[in-house]
Amino acid sequence: MTKVKVEIDADLQDLVPQFVENRKRDLDSFDLLIQNNDLVALGQLAHKVKGAAAGYGFMQLSQFAAEMEKAVKANDPKVLPEILKKMRDHFLNIDIHYVIM
């Protein structure tokens, strides 16, 4: 997959590395929760990631988390692995550019 350019506010530059590490752990947590069919915890984590990602400017990641949250609310677990794959592929291929906003 090609790199995906993501523009992030330069004021957040010191915080983004920890944000990225936390989201990598969340990807692993999503995988485990899907395997265990723990839809309650999955919905909570998706909601958290949706808000955090949007707050930092990772809008596509936030959108994938929103898709996951919507699927959980609709009790449609069969689509979750594909959403997680798209989320993981996107997130692991981001190319962060800091810009003054």
N, C-alpha and C. Protein backbone atom coordinates (compact mmCIF):
# COMPACT_ATOMS: atom_id res chain seq x y z
N MET A 1 0.85 -1.19 0.00
CA MET A 1 0.00 0.00 0.00
C MET A 1 0.89 1.24 0.00
N THR A 2 0.45 2.28 -0.68
CA THR A 2 1.21 3.51 -0.72
C THR A 2 0.98 4.31 0.55
N LYS A 3 1.92 5.16 0.84
CA LYS A 3 1.82 6.01 2.02
C LYS A 3 0.66 6.99 1.86
N VAL A 4 0.01 7.28 2.99
CA VAL A 4 -1.11 8.20 3.02
C VAL A 4 -0.66 9.44 3.78
N LYS A 5 -0.64 10.57 3.09
CA LYS A 5 -0.21 11.81 3.73
C LYS A 5 -1.29 12.31 4.69
N VAL A 6 -0.88 12.60 5.92
CA VAL A 6 -1.79 13.14 6.92
C VAL A 6 -1.15 14.41 7.46
N GLU A 7 -1.88 15.52 7.35
CA GLU A 7 -1.38 16.79 7.87
C GLU A 7 -1.89 17.00 9.28
N ILE A 8 -0.94 17.22 10.19
CA ILE A 8 -1.25 17.37 11.61
C ILE A 8 -0.74 18.73 12.07
N ASP A 9 -1.50 19.36 12.93
CA ASP A 9 -1.11 20.65 13.48
C ASP A 9 0.26 20.54 14.15
N ALA A 10 1.16 21.43 13.78
CA ALA A 10 2.53 21.41 14.33
C ALA A 10 2.53 21.57 15.85
N ASP A 11 1.51 22.19 16.41
CA ASP A 11 1.43 22.34 17.87
C ASP A 11 1.30 20.99 18.58
N LEU A 12 0.90 19.95 17.86
CA LEU A 12 0.71 18.62 18.45
C LEU A 12 1.92 17.72 18.26
N GLN A 13 2.96 18.23 17.64
CA GLN A 13 4.11 17.40 17.26
C GLN A 13 4.70 16.62 18.43
N ASP A 14 4.78 17.20 19.60
CA ASP A 14 5.34 16.50 20.76
C ASP A 14 4.42 15.39 21.27
N LEU A 15 3.13 15.50 21.00
CA LEU A 15 2.16 14.54 21.52
C LEU A 15 1.88 13.38 20.57
N VAL A 16 2.12 13.58 19.29
CA VAL A 16 1.75 12.59 18.28
C VAL A 16 2.46 11.25 18.43
N PRO A 17 3.76 11.21 18.75
CA PRO A 17 4.39 9.88 18.89
C PRO A 17 3.69 8.99 19.93
N GLN A 18 3.29 9.53 21.06
CA GLN A 18 2.58 8.74 22.06
C GLN A 18 1.19 8.37 21.56
N PHE A 19 0.54 9.29 20.87
CA PHE A 19 -0.76 8.99 20.27
C PHE A 19 -0.65 7.81 19.31
N VAL A 20 0.37 7.81 18.46
CA VAL A 20 0.58 6.73 17.49
C VAL A 20 0.81 5.40 18.21
N GLU A 21 1.64 5.41 19.24
CA GLU A 21 1.89 4.17 20.00
C GLU A 21 0.61 3.65 20.64
N ASN A 22 -0.18 4.55 21.20
CA ASN A 22 -1.44 4.14 21.82
C ASN A 22 -2.40 3.53 20.79
N ARG A 23 -2.44 4.11 19.60
CA ARG A 23 -3.34 3.57 18.58
C ARG A 23 -2.84 2.22 18.07
N LYS A 24 -1.54 2.01 18.01
CA LYS A 24 -1.02 0.69 17.62
C LYS A 24 -1.49 -0.36 18.61
N ARG A 25 -1.47 -0.02 19.89
CA ARG A 25 -1.97 -0.96 20.91
C ARG A 25 -3.47 -1.17 20.75
N ASP A 26 -4.17 -0.11 20.40
CA ASP A 26 -5.62 -0.23 20.18
C ASP A 26 -5.92 -1.18 19.02
N LEU A 27 -5.12 -1.15 17.97
CA LEU A 27 -5.33 -2.06 16.84
C LEU A 27 -5.25 -3.51 17.31
N ASP A 28 -4.27 -3.80 18.17
CA ASP A 28 -4.16 -5.15 18.73
C ASP A 28 -5.35 -5.47 19.61
N SER A 29 -5.81 -4.48 20.38
CA SER A 29 -6.98 -4.69 21.24
C SER A 29 -8.23 -4.95 20.41
N PHE A 30 -8.40 -4.21 19.32
CA PHE A 30 -9.54 -4.45 18.42
C PHE A 30 -9.53 -5.90 17.95
N ASP A 31 -8.37 -6.36 17.53
CA ASP A 31 -8.25 -7.72 17.03
C ASP A 31 -8.69 -8.74 18.09
N LEU A 32 -8.20 -8.57 19.29
CA LEU A 32 -8.54 -9.48 20.38
C LEU A 32 -10.03 -9.42 20.71
N LEU A 33 -10.58 -8.22 20.75
CA LEU A 33 -12.00 -8.06 21.07
C LEU A 33 -12.89 -8.68 19.99
N ILE A 34 -12.47 -8.56 18.73
CA ILE A 34 -13.22 -9.19 17.65
C ILE A 34 -13.17 -10.71 17.80
N GLN A 35 -11.98 -11.23 18.08
CA GLN A 35 -11.85 -12.68 18.26
C GLN A 35 -12.72 -13.19 19.39
N ASN A 36 -12.83 -12.38 20.46
CA ASN A 36 -13.61 -12.78 21.63
C ASN A 36 -15.08 -12.38 21.52
N ASN A 37 -15.44 -11.74 20.41
CA ASN A 37 -16.80 -11.27 20.18
C ASN A 37 -17.31 -10.41 21.33
N ASP A 38 -16.43 -9.57 21.86
CA ASP A 38 -16.79 -8.67 22.97
C ASP A 38 -17.25 -7.34 22.38
N LEU A 39 -18.50 -7.32 21.95
CA LEU A 39 -19.01 -6.15 21.25
C LEU A 39 -19.14 -4.93 22.15
N VAL A 40 -19.41 -5.13 23.42
CA VAL A 40 -19.53 -3.98 24.33
C VAL A 40 -18.19 -3.26 24.42
N ALA A 41 -17.13 -3.97 24.74
CA ALA A 41 -15.80 -3.36 24.85
C ALA A 41 -15.33 -2.83 23.49
N LEU A 42 -15.67 -3.53 22.43
CA LEU A 42 -15.30 -3.10 21.09
C LEU A 42 -15.95 -1.76 20.75
N GLY A 43 -17.22 -1.63 21.06
CA GLY A 43 -17.92 -0.36 20.83
C GLY A 43 -17.33 0.77 21.63
N GLN A 44 -16.96 0.49 22.87
CA GLN A 44 -16.36 1.52 23.72
C GLN A 44 -15.01 1.96 23.17
N LEU A 45 -14.19 1.00 22.75
CA LEU A 45 -12.87 1.32 22.20
C LEU A 45 -13.01 2.07 20.88
N ALA A 46 -13.94 1.66 20.04
CA ALA A 46 -14.15 2.34 18.77
C ALA A 46 -14.55 3.79 19.01
N HIS A 47 -15.41 4.01 19.98
CA HIS A 47 -15.85 5.37 20.31
C HIS A 47 -14.66 6.21 20.78
N LYS A 48 -13.83 5.63 21.63
CA LYS A 48 -12.64 6.35 22.14
C LYS A 48 -11.69 6.71 21.00
N VAL A 49 -11.42 5.76 20.14
CA VAL A 49 -10.49 5.99 19.02
C VAL A 49 -11.07 7.02 18.06
N LYS A 50 -12.37 6.94 17.82
CA LYS A 50 -13.02 7.90 16.92
C LYS A 50 -12.78 9.33 17.40
N GLY A 51 -12.99 9.58 18.67
CA GLY A 51 -12.81 10.93 19.21
C GLY A 51 -11.37 11.35 19.29
N ALA A 52 -10.50 10.46 19.74
CA ALA A 52 -9.08 10.80 19.87
C ALA A 52 -8.47 11.08 18.50
N ALA A 53 -8.78 10.24 17.54
CA ALA A 53 -8.21 10.41 16.20
C ALA A 53 -8.66 11.74 15.59
N ALA A 54 -9.92 12.06 15.74
CA ALA A 54 -10.43 13.32 15.20
C ALA A 54 -9.76 14.51 15.90
N GLY A 55 -9.58 14.39 17.20
CA GLY A 55 -8.95 15.47 17.96
C GLY A 55 -7.52 15.77 17.55
N TYR A 56 -6.84 14.75 17.08
CA TYR A 56 -5.46 14.92 16.64
C TYR A 56 -5.35 15.21 15.15
N GLY A 57 -6.44 15.09 14.42
CA GLY A 57 -6.42 15.37 13.00
C GLY A 57 -6.30 14.15 12.10
N PHE A 58 -6.42 12.96 12.67
CA PHE A 58 -6.37 11.72 11.89
C PHE A 58 -7.81 11.36 11.48
N MET A 59 -8.33 12.09 10.51
CA MET A 59 -9.75 12.01 10.19
C MET A 59 -10.15 10.67 9.57
N GLN A 60 -9.31 10.08 8.74
CA GLN A 60 -9.67 8.80 8.13
C GLN A 60 -9.71 7.70 9.20
N LEU A 61 -8.76 7.73 10.13
CA LEU A 61 -8.77 6.77 11.23
C LEU A 61 -10.04 6.93 12.06
N SER A 62 -10.41 8.16 12.31
CA SER A 62 -11.65 8.44 13.05
C SER A 62 -12.85 7.88 12.30
N GLN A 63 -12.86 8.01 10.99
CA GLN A 63 -13.97 7.50 10.20
C GLN A 63 -14.06 5.97 10.25
N PHE A 64 -12.90 5.29 10.20
CA PHE A 64 -12.92 3.84 10.32
C PHE A 64 -13.45 3.42 11.69
N ALA A 65 -13.04 4.13 12.74
CA ALA A 65 -13.52 3.82 14.08
C ALA A 65 -15.04 4.05 14.16
N ALA A 66 -15.52 5.10 13.49
CA ALA A 66 -16.96 5.36 13.46
C ALA A 66 -17.70 4.23 12.74
N GLU A 67 -17.12 3.71 11.66
CA GLU A 67 -17.72 2.56 10.96
C GLU A 67 -17.81 1.35 11.88
N MET A 68 -16.74 1.16 12.65
CA MET A 68 -16.71 0.02 13.57
C MET A 68 -17.77 0.20 14.66
N GLU A 69 -17.86 1.41 15.19
CA GLU A 69 -18.85 1.68 16.23
C GLU A 69 -20.27 1.47 15.68
N LYS A 70 -20.51 1.91 14.46
CA LYS A 70 -21.82 1.74 13.83
C LYS A 70 -22.15 0.25 13.63
N ALA A 71 -21.16 -0.53 13.21
CA ALA A 71 -21.37 -1.96 13.02
C ALA A 71 -21.69 -2.65 14.34
N VAL A 72 -21.03 -2.23 15.41
CA VAL A 72 -21.30 -2.81 16.73
C VAL A 72 -22.73 -2.47 17.15
N LYS A 73 -23.12 -1.22 16.98
CA LYS A 73 -24.48 -0.80 17.37
C LYS A 73 -25.54 -1.53 16.55
N ALA A 74 -25.20 -1.86 15.30
CA ALA A 74 -26.14 -2.58 14.44
C ALA A 74 -26.06 -4.09 14.66
N ASN A 75 -25.22 -4.51 15.60
CA ASN A 75 -25.02 -5.93 15.89
C ASN A 75 -24.66 -6.70 14.61
N ASP A 76 -23.65 -6.16 13.90
CA ASP A 76 -23.20 -6.74 12.64
C ASP A 76 -21.71 -7.09 12.75
N PRO A 77 -21.37 -8.09 13.58
CA PRO A 77 -19.96 -8.39 13.82
C PRO A 77 -19.21 -8.96 12.62
N LYS A 78 -19.93 -9.47 11.63
CA LYS A 78 -19.23 -10.10 10.50
C LYS A 78 -18.42 -9.09 9.69
N VAL A 79 -18.77 -7.80 9.74
CA VAL A 79 -18.02 -6.79 8.97
C VAL A 79 -16.82 -6.25 9.73
N LEU A 80 -16.72 -6.56 11.01
CA LEU A 80 -15.65 -5.98 11.85
C LEU A 80 -14.24 -6.34 11.39
N PRO A 81 -13.96 -7.58 11.02
CA PRO A 81 -12.58 -7.88 10.57
C PRO A 81 -12.16 -7.07 9.35
N GLU A 82 -13.08 -6.84 8.43
CA GLU A 82 -12.74 -6.06 7.24
C GLU A 82 -12.50 -4.59 7.59
N ILE A 83 -13.33 -4.05 8.48
CA ILE A 83 -13.11 -2.66 8.92
C ILE A 83 -11.77 -2.55 9.62
N LEU A 84 -11.44 -3.52 10.47
CA LEU A 84 -10.16 -3.49 11.16
C LEU A 84 -9.01 -3.59 10.17
N LYS A 85 -9.15 -4.40 9.14
CA LYS A 85 -8.09 -4.51 8.14
C LYS A 85 -7.87 -3.17 7.44
N LYS A 86 -8.96 -2.50 7.06
CA LYS A 86 -8.84 -1.18 6.41
C LYS A 86 -8.20 -0.18 7.38
N MET A 87 -8.62 -0.23 8.63
CA MET A 87 -8.08 0.68 9.64
C MET A 87 -6.57 0.45 9.82
N ARG A 88 -6.19 -0.81 9.95
CA ARG A 88 -4.79 -1.16 10.17
C ARG A 88 -3.94 -0.78 8.94
N ASP A 89 -4.42 -1.13 7.75
CA ASP A 89 -3.69 -0.79 6.52
C ASP A 89 -3.48 0.72 6.41
N HIS A 90 -4.52 1.47 6.70
CA HIS A 90 -4.42 2.93 6.64
C HIS A 90 -3.42 3.43 7.69
N PHE A 91 -3.62 3.03 8.92
CA PHE A 91 -2.83 3.58 10.01
C PHE A 91 -1.35 3.23 9.89
N LEU A 92 -1.06 2.03 9.46
CA LEU A 92 0.35 1.62 9.37
C LEU A 92 1.05 2.21 8.14
N ASN A 93 0.30 2.92 7.32
CA ASN A 93 0.89 3.53 6.13
C ASN A 93 0.76 5.05 6.11
N ILE A 94 0.52 5.65 7.27
CA ILE A 94 0.41 7.10 7.30
C ILE A 94 1.79 7.74 7.22
N ASP A 95 1.83 8.87 6.58
CA ASP A 95 3.03 9.67 6.47
C ASP A 95 2.67 11.04 7.05
N ILE A 96 3.10 11.28 8.28
CA ILE A 96 2.69 12.47 9.01
C ILE A 96 3.50 13.68 8.58
N HIS A 97 2.79 14.74 8.26
CA HIS A 97 3.40 16.03 7.92
C HIS A 97 2.85 17.05 8.91
N TYR A 98 3.74 17.74 9.59
CA TYR A 98 3.32 18.76 10.54
C TYR A 98 3.22 20.10 9.82
N VAL A 99 2.10 20.75 10.01
CA VAL A 99 1.85 22.03 9.37
C VAL A 99 1.38 23.03 10.42
N ILE A 100 1.67 24.28 10.16
CA ILE A 100 1.18 25.34 11.06
C ILE A 100 -0.25 25.65 10.65
N MET A 101 -1.13 25.50 11.61
CA MET A 101 -2.57 25.72 11.31
C MET A 101 -3.05 26.97 12.03
